[in-house]
Amino acid sequence: MFRKFKSLGKSNEIGYSYDSQQWDSHAPIESNFRVFKNYGDELCAHSPDLSVTVDLLADFLMSLAEAMRTDDELAQVLVYTFARRPSLKEIEFAASVIYKGHEEKDWLKSRRWFSAKELKVSKAPSKEHDKRYEEVREIHDGSPNSIFRILIGEYSSGLQKYLYADAIREWVFAQDRDGIYMPMTAEFLKWTDDREKARALRDGFEVCKNVTEAYRLRCAVESSLESYRRRVAPKETPAPEPEAAEPEAAEPEPAADTEAA
């Protein structure tokens, strides 16, 4: 899918696009999020399109949300994009992976391995050579940083990193215990140290999630209503089959004329 849409904040300078065919391994946020120069010529590109950077991300997200409000096809494509986040079970598992080697006298016996995919911790030495497992080290202390390291993939995009970190932050603030804190998501990811910019990014992500979720819920409502309409619709009474016509009696054949003997 390819869609161009206006910038809400810099419409006389740049325009944006969503291009599902783009791939950029160095994209700071997401390969599909593109920006081009328009020199005041609305959606006419006067430069090659580039990957959206963090500096433009807040405006891009707000502009994308505005475009999705009137483009259901675009909203449908992006439903999963903004719904990617770890489950509560995954976050709680990652928080439980804590290094305890300093408490053991025998270092070899204290070694443990964990699998973020299988949500398991094991002391079995065989796990050392199992690629699904990683050794529990001193950096694994149950902190937000530790949880994030465990859950995020090695080649995750900037977008996925933000969505995962945001989910972890929600979990952190839901905990009723002292000693655990996490800054705003953009600050946590070291995208900015400016609180206002961090808030603008938070709002941009939030509005895009809300638009896509609203589309998903509306589709669910329409599906349920249509299903109900089919159930309560009057059933058509099939027309009676026509009766078979009775066969007509065969007319007797005329008797053959006999000659007088």
Protein backbone atom coordinates (compact mmCIF):
# COMPACT_ATOMS: atom_id res chain seq x y z
CA MET A 1 0.00 0.00 0.00
CA PHE A 2 1.09 3.54 -0.76
CA ARG A 3 -0.56 6.65 0.67
CA LYS A 4 0.52 10.28 0.72
CA PHE A 5 -0.84 12.66 3.32
CA LYS A 6 -0.32 16.23 4.44
CA SER A 7 1.85 17.33 7.34
CA LEU A 8 -0.24 19.04 10.00
CA GLY A 9 2.68 21.10 11.28
CA LYS A 10 4.85 21.76 8.22
CA SER A 11 2.55 21.54 5.20
CA ASN A 12 4.48 24.24 3.29
CA GLU A 13 7.77 22.40 3.62
CA ILE A 14 7.20 18.64 3.62
CA GLY A 15 4.69 15.90 2.99
CA TYR A 16 4.50 12.36 4.32
CA SER A 17 3.71 8.94 2.96
CA TYR A 18 3.16 5.40 4.13
CA ASP A 19 4.78 2.90 1.76
CA SER A 20 4.48 -0.77 2.63
CA GLN A 21 7.01 -1.70 -0.10
CA GLN A 22 9.89 0.30 1.37
CA TRP A 23 12.74 -1.35 3.24
CA ASP A 24 15.55 0.54 4.92
CA SER A 25 17.72 -1.37 7.37
CA HIS A 26 18.98 1.95 8.76
CA ALA A 27 15.55 3.53 9.26
CA PRO A 28 15.56 5.10 12.74
CA ILE A 29 11.85 4.46 13.32
CA GLU A 30 10.13 2.41 10.60
CA SER A 31 10.98 1.77 6.94
CA ASN A 32 7.39 2.43 5.84
CA PHE A 33 7.26 5.92 7.39
CA ARG A 34 8.46 8.33 4.69
CA VAL A 35 8.95 12.08 4.30
CA PHE A 36 9.60 14.21 1.20
CA LYS A 37 10.13 17.90 0.36
CA ASN A 38 7.15 19.60 -1.27
CA TYR A 39 8.25 23.28 -1.26
CA GLY A 40 4.66 24.33 -0.64
CA ASP A 41 3.29 22.18 -3.48
CA GLU A 42 0.99 20.10 -1.25
CA LEU A 43 1.50 16.37 -1.95
CA CYS A 44 3.78 16.80 -4.96
CA ALA A 45 7.19 15.39 -4.06
CA HIS A 46 10.14 17.57 -5.05
CA SER A 47 12.76 15.27 -3.53
CA PRO A 48 13.35 11.57 -2.99
CA ASP A 49 11.48 10.26 0.03
CA LEU A 50 13.48 9.43 3.15
CA SER A 51 12.78 7.58 6.40
CA VAL A 52 11.11 9.71 9.05
CA THR A 53 13.50 10.70 11.84
CA VAL A 54 12.79 11.22 15.53
CA ASP A 55 12.71 15.00 15.04
CA LEU A 56 9.72 14.70 12.68
CA LEU A 57 8.07 11.71 14.34
CA ALA A 58 5.53 13.55 16.50
CA ASP A 59 4.21 15.54 13.51
CA PHE A 60 4.25 12.43 11.33
CA LEU A 61 2.18 10.43 13.84
CA MET A 62 -0.41 13.19 14.27
CA SER A 63 -0.62 13.64 10.50
CA LEU A 64 -0.94 9.88 10.02
CA ALA A 65 -3.77 9.73 12.56
CA GLU A 66 -5.59 12.51 10.71
CA ALA A 67 -5.20 10.60 7.43
CA MET A 68 -6.50 7.35 8.97
CA ARG A 69 -9.65 9.08 10.20
CA THR A 70 -10.91 9.31 6.62
CA ASP A 71 -9.10 6.31 5.11
CA ASP A 72 -10.35 2.98 6.47
CA GLU A 73 -8.00 0.98 4.26
CA LEU A 74 -4.98 2.76 5.73
CA ALA A 75 -6.31 2.27 9.26
CA GLN A 76 -6.86 -1.43 8.57
CA VAL A 77 -3.28 -1.91 7.39
CA LEU A 78 -1.91 -0.22 10.52
CA VAL A 79 -4.09 -1.97 13.14
CA TYR A 80 -1.45 -4.62 13.83
CA THR A 81 1.45 -2.16 13.51
CA PHE A 82 0.34 -0.16 16.55
CA ALA A 83 -0.95 -3.17 18.49
CA ARG A 84 2.45 -4.89 18.75
CA ARG A 85 3.39 -5.05 22.40
CA PRO A 86 4.44 -7.71 24.90
CA SER A 87 1.78 -9.48 26.94
CA LEU A 88 1.48 -9.05 30.69
CA LYS A 89 2.75 -12.62 31.10
CA GLU A 90 5.88 -11.86 29.09
CA ILE A 91 6.62 -8.68 31.05
CA GLU A 92 6.17 -10.44 34.39
CA PHE A 93 8.45 -13.26 33.29
CA ALA A 94 11.19 -10.83 32.21
CA ALA A 95 10.88 -9.01 35.53
CA SER A 96 11.40 -12.32 37.37
CA VAL A 97 14.72 -13.05 35.62
CA ILE A 98 17.21 -11.83 38.25
CA TYR A 99 20.88 -12.67 38.62
CA LYS A 100 21.66 -14.34 41.94
CA GLY A 101 25.16 -15.63 41.30
CA HIS A 102 26.69 -13.39 43.98
CA GLU A 103 24.56 -15.20 46.57
CA GLU A 104 26.01 -18.61 45.70
CA LYS A 105 29.34 -19.95 46.88
CA ASP A 106 29.78 -22.20 43.87
CA TRP A 107 29.61 -20.08 40.72
CA LEU A 108 29.21 -23.07 38.41
CA LYS A 109 26.21 -24.34 40.32
CA SER A 110 24.63 -20.90 40.32
CA ARG A 111 24.57 -20.53 36.54
CA ARG A 112 21.09 -20.27 35.01
CA TRP A 113 19.69 -19.77 31.52
CA PHE A 114 16.39 -18.29 30.36
CA SER A 115 14.28 -18.34 27.20
CA ALA A 116 12.16 -15.27 26.48
CA LYS A 117 10.20 -17.23 23.87
CA GLU A 118 9.43 -20.23 26.06
CA LEU A 119 9.20 -18.14 29.27
CA LYS A 120 11.38 -20.62 31.14
CA VAL A 121 14.43 -20.49 33.43
CA SER A 122 16.67 -23.51 33.74
CA LYS A 123 19.78 -24.64 35.61
CA ALA A 124 20.44 -27.49 33.18
CA PRO A 125 24.01 -27.15 31.82
CA SER A 126 22.76 -28.35 28.43
CA LYS A 127 21.01 -25.00 27.96
CA GLU A 128 24.40 -23.31 27.57
CA HIS A 129 24.50 -24.54 23.96
CA ASP A 130 20.79 -24.14 23.28
CA LYS A 131 20.30 -21.10 21.01
CA ARG A 132 16.83 -20.51 22.45
CA TYR A 133 18.38 -19.73 25.84
CA GLU A 134 20.55 -16.92 27.15
CA GLU A 135 22.57 -16.94 30.37
CA VAL A 136 21.31 -14.89 33.30
CA ARG A 137 23.95 -12.22 33.94
CA GLU A 138 24.48 -9.32 36.31
CA ILE A 139 22.62 -6.94 34.01
CA HIS A 140 19.45 -8.92 34.65
CA ASP A 141 18.19 -7.26 37.81
CA GLY A 142 14.41 -6.99 37.23
CA SER A 143 14.63 -3.29 36.35
CA PRO A 144 12.82 -1.73 33.36
CA ASN A 145 16.11 -1.77 31.44
CA SER A 146 16.54 -5.47 32.16
CA ILE A 147 12.95 -6.27 31.16
CA PHE A 148 13.38 -4.33 27.92
CA ARG A 149 16.64 -6.12 27.03
CA ILE A 150 15.02 -9.51 27.54
CA LEU A 151 11.87 -8.82 25.51
CA ILE A 152 13.03 -6.71 22.57
CA GLY A 153 14.43 -8.50 19.53
CA GLU A 154 17.91 -7.86 18.21
CA TYR A 155 16.66 -6.39 14.93
CA SER A 156 13.58 -4.58 16.20
CA SER A 157 12.59 -1.30 14.55
CA GLY A 158 12.44 1.98 16.44
CA LEU A 159 8.64 1.75 16.33
CA GLN A 160 8.61 -1.66 17.98
CA LYS A 161 11.11 -0.51 20.60
CA TYR A 162 8.83 2.38 21.52
CA LEU A 163 5.70 0.21 21.73
CA TYR A 164 7.47 -2.39 23.90
CA ALA A 165 9.02 0.22 26.18
CA ASP A 166 5.64 1.93 26.51
CA ALA A 167 3.98 -1.33 27.56
CA ILE A 168 6.71 -1.92 30.15
CA ARG A 169 6.23 1.61 31.48
CA GLU A 170 2.49 0.98 31.90
CA TRP A 171 3.30 -2.17 33.86
CA VAL A 172 5.84 -0.33 36.03
CA PHE A 173 3.31 2.33 37.05
CA ALA A 174 0.74 -0.36 37.83
CA GLN A 175 3.07 -1.94 40.40
CA ASP A 176 2.36 -1.23 44.04
CA ARG A 177 5.94 -1.26 45.23
CA ASP A 178 8.74 1.20 45.83
CA GLY A 179 12.13 1.26 44.20
CA ILE A 180 10.99 0.83 40.59
CA TYR A 181 10.72 3.82 38.27
CA MET A 182 10.78 4.43 34.53
CA PRO A 183 10.99 7.82 32.76
CA MET A 184 8.82 8.76 29.79
CA THR A 185 9.22 6.30 26.96
CA ALA A 186 11.12 8.59 24.57
CA GLU A 187 13.49 9.54 27.41
CA PHE A 188 13.96 5.89 28.34
CA LEU A 189 14.96 5.12 24.74
CA LYS A 190 17.30 8.15 24.77
CA TRP A 191 15.49 9.67 21.80
CA THR A 192 15.32 13.00 23.62
CA ASP A 193 16.01 14.55 27.02
CA ASP A 194 13.38 17.24 26.44
CA ARG A 195 10.24 16.49 28.43
CA GLU A 196 7.96 18.44 26.08
CA LYS A 197 9.23 16.50 23.05
CA ALA A 198 8.76 13.27 24.97
CA ARG A 199 5.15 14.25 25.72
CA ALA A 200 4.53 15.14 22.07
CA LEU A 201 5.80 11.72 21.00
CA ARG A 202 3.65 10.02 23.64
CA ASP A 203 0.58 11.87 22.36
CA GLY A 204 1.38 10.97 18.75
CA PHE A 205 1.67 7.27 19.48
CA GLU A 206 -1.44 7.36 21.66
CA VAL A 207 -3.62 8.99 19.01
CA CYS A 208 -2.50 6.51 16.32
CA LYS A 209 -3.25 3.59 18.63
CA ASN A 210 -6.66 5.08 19.41
CA VAL A 211 -7.56 5.59 15.75
CA THR A 212 -6.59 2.05 14.76
CA GLU A 213 -8.31 0.57 17.81
CA ALA A 214 -11.45 2.58 17.03
CA TYR A 215 -11.42 1.14 13.51
CA ARG A 216 -11.01 -2.41 14.85
CA LEU A 217 -13.85 -1.96 17.33
CA ARG A 218 -16.12 -0.44 14.68
CA CYS A 219 -15.48 -3.42 12.41
CA ALA A 220 -16.29 -5.77 15.31
CA VAL A 221 -19.55 -3.91 15.97
CA GLU A 222 -20.56 -3.99 12.31
CA SER A 223 -19.77 -7.71 12.12
CA SER A 224 -21.88 -8.46 15.21
CA LEU A 225 -24.80 -6.38 13.91
CA GLU A 226 -24.70 -8.07 10.54
CA SER A 227 -24.63 -11.49 12.20
CA TYR A 228 -27.64 -10.54 14.33
CA ARG A 229 -29.57 -9.22 11.33
CA ARG A 230 -29.08 -12.55 9.56
CA ARG A 231 -30.34 -14.47 12.60
CA VAL A 232 -33.55 -12.43 13.07
CA ALA A 233 -34.38 -11.91 9.41
CA PRO A 234 -37.74 -13.57 8.50
CA LYS A 235 -37.16 -16.95 7.03
CA GLU A 236 -38.55 -17.25 3.54
CA THR A 237 -41.19 -19.97 3.28
CA PRO A 238 -40.30 -22.10 0.31
CA ALA A 239 -42.97 -22.11 -2.38
CA PRO A 240 -44.88 -25.40 -2.57
CA GLU A 241 -43.76 -27.68 -5.32
CA PRO A 242 -46.27 -27.95 -8.16
CA GLU A 243 -48.33 -31.15 -8.09
CA ALA A 244 -47.43 -33.65 -10.70
CA ALA A 245 -50.01 -33.75 -13.50
CA GLU A 246 -52.03 -36.97 -13.68
CA PRO A 247 -51.23 -39.00 -16.78
CA GLU A 248 -53.94 -38.79 -19.41
CA ALA A 249 -55.79 -42.06 -20.17
CA ALA A 250 -54.73 -43.55 -23.43
CA GLU A 251 -57.43 -43.41 -26.13
CA PRO A 252 -58.54 -46.90 -27.28
CA GLU A 253 -57.32 -47.79 -30.70
CA PRO A 254 -60.09 -48.16 -33.32
CA ALA A 255 -61.04 -51.78 -34.02
CA ALA A 256 -59.73 -53.16 -37.25
CA ASP A 257 -62.35 -53.48 -40.06
CA THR A 258 -63.26 -57.13 -40.80
CA GLU A 259 -64.47 -58.26 -44.19
CA ALA A 260 -67.65 -60.29 -44.39
CA ALA A 261 -66.89 -63.88 -45.05
